[in-house]
């Protein structure tokens, strides 16, 4: 995903701290990750659920994208729970 700028919601920063996910991890998921779900009706901007593998672990990232300026706003990020997600971390059980 090509972002002109990456911004972080307060919630995302708190979750990153709790889950030991840093900005480098976020950048890798944005650049190399796969979009696994789209939320076109989210407000104020459409958002996406992305999956990436960084440092040997799967990371989910919810990002809103302001289409005109290409600003990416990180809403939240987390390590997908294998109790909830299938082995590919793309679909829920």
C-alpha atoms as a PDB file:
ATOM      1  CA  UNK A   1       0.000   0.000   0.000  1.00  0.00           C
ATOM      2  CA  UNK A   2       1.352   3.409  -0.891  1.00  0.00           C
ATOM      3  CA  UNK A   3       0.844   5.924   1.889  1.00  0.00           C
ATOM      4  CA  UNK A   4       1.924   9.539   1.578  1.00  0.00           C
ATOM      5  CA  UNK A   5       1.923   9.752   5.374  1.00  0.00           C
ATOM      6  CA  UNK A   6       1.172   7.296   8.168  1.00  0.00           C
ATOM      7  CA  UNK A   7      -0.720   8.554  11.209  1.00  0.00           C
ATOM      8  CA  UNK A   8      -1.570   6.589  14.341  1.00  0.00           C
ATOM      9  CA  UNK A   9      -4.771   6.761  16.374  1.00  0.00           C
ATOM     10  CA  UNK A  10      -4.346   6.960  20.139  1.00  0.00           C
ATOM     11  CA  UNK A  11      -5.897   3.503  20.347  1.00  0.00           C
ATOM     12  CA  UNK A  12      -3.338   2.095  17.893  1.00  0.00           C
ATOM     13  CA  UNK A  13      -0.415   3.509  19.882  1.00  0.00           C
ATOM     14  CA  UNK A  14      -1.724   1.952  23.101  1.00  0.00           C
ATOM     15  CA  UNK A  15      -2.245  -1.423  21.405  1.00  0.00           C
ATOM     16  CA  UNK A  16       1.205  -1.292  19.792  1.00  0.00           C
ATOM     17  CA  UNK A  17       2.770  -0.715  23.206  1.00  0.00           C
ATOM     18  CA  UNK A  18       0.759  -3.527  24.850  1.00  0.00           C
ATOM     19  CA  UNK A  19       1.547  -5.998  22.056  1.00  0.00           C
ATOM     20  CA  UNK A  20       5.172  -5.052  21.408  1.00  0.00           C
ATOM     21  CA  UNK A  21       4.471  -3.950  17.828  1.00  0.00           C
ATOM     22  CA  UNK A  22       6.633  -1.073  16.616  1.00  0.00           C
ATOM     23  CA  UNK A  23       6.429   1.372  13.724  1.00  0.00           C
ATOM     24  CA  UNK A  24       8.872  -0.745  11.695  1.00  0.00           C
ATOM     25  CA  UNK A  25       6.429  -3.672  11.972  1.00  0.00           C
ATOM     26  CA  UNK A  26       3.586  -1.434  10.800  1.00  0.00           C
ATOM     27  CA  UNK A  27       5.605  -0.182   7.827  1.00  0.00           C
ATOM     28  CA  UNK A  28       6.408  -3.761   6.750  1.00  0.00           C
ATOM     29  CA  UNK A  29       2.743  -4.794   6.905  1.00  0.00           C
ATOM     30  CA  UNK A  30       1.719  -1.694   4.931  1.00  0.00           C
ATOM     31  CA  UNK A  31       4.352  -2.325   2.239  1.00  0.00           C
ATOM     32  CA  UNK A  32       4.304  -6.122   2.012  1.00  0.00           C
ATOM     33  CA  UNK A  33       1.087  -7.239   3.680  1.00  0.00           C
ATOM     34  CA  UNK A  34      -2.058  -8.618   2.125  1.00  0.00           C
ATOM     35  CA  UNK A  35      -5.487  -7.011   2.276  1.00  0.00           C
ATOM     36  CA  UNK A  36      -7.786  -9.673   3.703  1.00  0.00           C
ATOM     37  CA  UNK A  37     -10.954  -7.627   4.220  1.00  0.00           C
ATOM     38  CA  UNK A  38     -12.285  -4.272   3.075  1.00  0.00           C
ATOM     39  CA  UNK A  39     -14.683  -2.036   4.973  1.00  0.00           C
ATOM     40  CA  UNK A  40     -15.778   0.452   2.279  1.00  0.00           C
ATOM     41  CA  UNK A  41     -18.567   1.957   4.398  1.00  0.00           C
ATOM     42  CA  UNK A  42     -16.401   2.839   7.424  1.00  0.00           C
ATOM     43  CA  UNK A  43     -16.457   6.510   8.379  1.00  0.00           C
ATOM     44  CA  UNK A  44     -14.856   8.943   8.036  1.00  0.00           C
ATOM     45  CA  UNK A  45     -12.733   6.898   5.586  1.00  0.00           C
ATOM     46  CA  UNK A  46     -12.943   3.381   4.163  1.00  0.00           C
ATOM     47  CA  UNK A  47     -10.673   0.948   5.995  1.00  0.00           C
ATOM     48  CA  UNK A  48      -8.895  -2.343   5.410  1.00  0.00           C
ATOM     49  CA  UNK A  49      -7.799  -5.324   7.459  1.00  0.00           C
ATOM     50  CA  UNK A  50      -4.284  -6.326   6.468  1.00  0.00           C
ATOM     51  CA  UNK A  51      -2.176  -9.363   7.322  1.00  0.00           C
ATOM     52  CA  UNK A  52       1.594  -9.368   7.334  1.00  0.00           C
ATOM     53  CA  UNK A  53       4.383 -11.498   8.738  1.00  0.00           C
ATOM     54  CA  UNK A  54       7.110  -9.623  10.583  1.00  0.00           C
ATOM     55  CA  UNK A  55       9.908 -11.162  12.650  1.00  0.00           C
ATOM     56  CA  UNK A  56       8.248 -14.558  12.331  1.00  0.00           C
ATOM     57  CA  UNK A  57       4.856 -13.532  13.670  1.00  0.00           C
ATOM     58  CA  UNK A  58       1.559 -12.713  12.020  1.00  0.00           C
ATOM     59  CA  UNK A  59       0.270  -9.185  12.523  1.00  0.00           C
ATOM     60  CA  UNK A  60      -3.171  -7.803  11.706  1.00  0.00           C
ATOM     61  CA  UNK A  61      -3.496  -4.126  10.952  1.00  0.00           C
ATOM     62  CA  UNK A  62      -6.665  -2.079  10.523  1.00  0.00           C
ATOM     63  CA  UNK A  63      -5.927   1.003   8.470  1.00  0.00           C
ATOM     64  CA  UNK A  64      -8.176   3.779   7.167  1.00  0.00           C
ATOM     65  CA  UNK A  65      -7.134   5.377   3.900  1.00  0.00           C
ATOM     66  CA  UNK A  66      -7.946   8.922   2.868  1.00  0.00           C
ATOM     67  CA  UNK A  67      -8.064   8.385  -0.900  1.00  0.00           C
ATOM     68  CA  UNK A  68      -7.333  11.928  -2.105  1.00  0.00           C
ATOM     69  CA  UNK A  69      -4.215  12.529   0.011  1.00  0.00           C
ATOM     70  CA  UNK A  70      -3.183   8.859   0.458  1.00  0.00           C
ATOM     71  CA  UNK A  71      -2.848   9.409   4.201  1.00  0.00           C
ATOM     72  CA  UNK A  72      -3.027   6.084   6.051  1.00  0.00           C
ATOM     73  CA  UNK A  73      -4.436   6.154   9.568  1.00  0.00           C
ATOM     74  CA  UNK A  74      -3.609   3.146  11.714  1.00  0.00           C
ATOM     75  CA  UNK A  75      -6.761   2.331  13.692  1.00  0.00           C
ATOM     76  CA  UNK A  76      -5.483  -0.727  15.560  1.00  0.00           C
ATOM     77  CA  UNK A  77      -3.042  -3.594  15.284  1.00  0.00           C
ATOM     78  CA  UNK A  78      -2.843  -6.965  16.981  1.00  0.00           C
ATOM     79  CA  UNK A  79      -1.467 -10.474  16.870  1.00  0.00           C
ATOM     80  CA  UNK A  80      -4.291 -12.699  15.547  1.00  0.00           C
ATOM     81  CA  UNK A  81      -5.454 -15.284  18.086  1.00  0.00           C
ATOM     82  CA  UNK A  82      -5.197 -18.868  16.741  1.00  0.00           C
ATOM     83  CA  UNK A  83      -8.316 -19.715  18.768  1.00  0.00           C
ATOM     84  CA  UNK A  84     -10.288 -17.256  16.622  1.00  0.00           C
ATOM     85  CA  UNK A  85      -8.463 -17.374  13.268  1.00  0.00           C
ATOM     86  CA  UNK A  86      -7.741 -20.307  10.961  1.00  0.00           C
ATOM     87  CA  UNK A  87      -4.102 -21.297  10.405  1.00  0.00           C
ATOM     88  CA  UNK A  88      -3.750 -18.847   7.507  1.00  0.00           C
ATOM     89  CA  UNK A  89      -4.885 -15.959   9.785  1.00  0.00           C
ATOM     90  CA  UNK A  90      -7.092 -14.760   6.917  1.00  0.00           C
ATOM     91  CA  UNK A  91     -10.450 -16.231   7.931  1.00  0.00           C
ATOM     92  CA  UNK A  92     -12.190 -16.667  11.251  1.00  0.00           C
ATOM     93  CA  UNK A  93     -13.093 -20.140  12.469  1.00  0.00           C
END
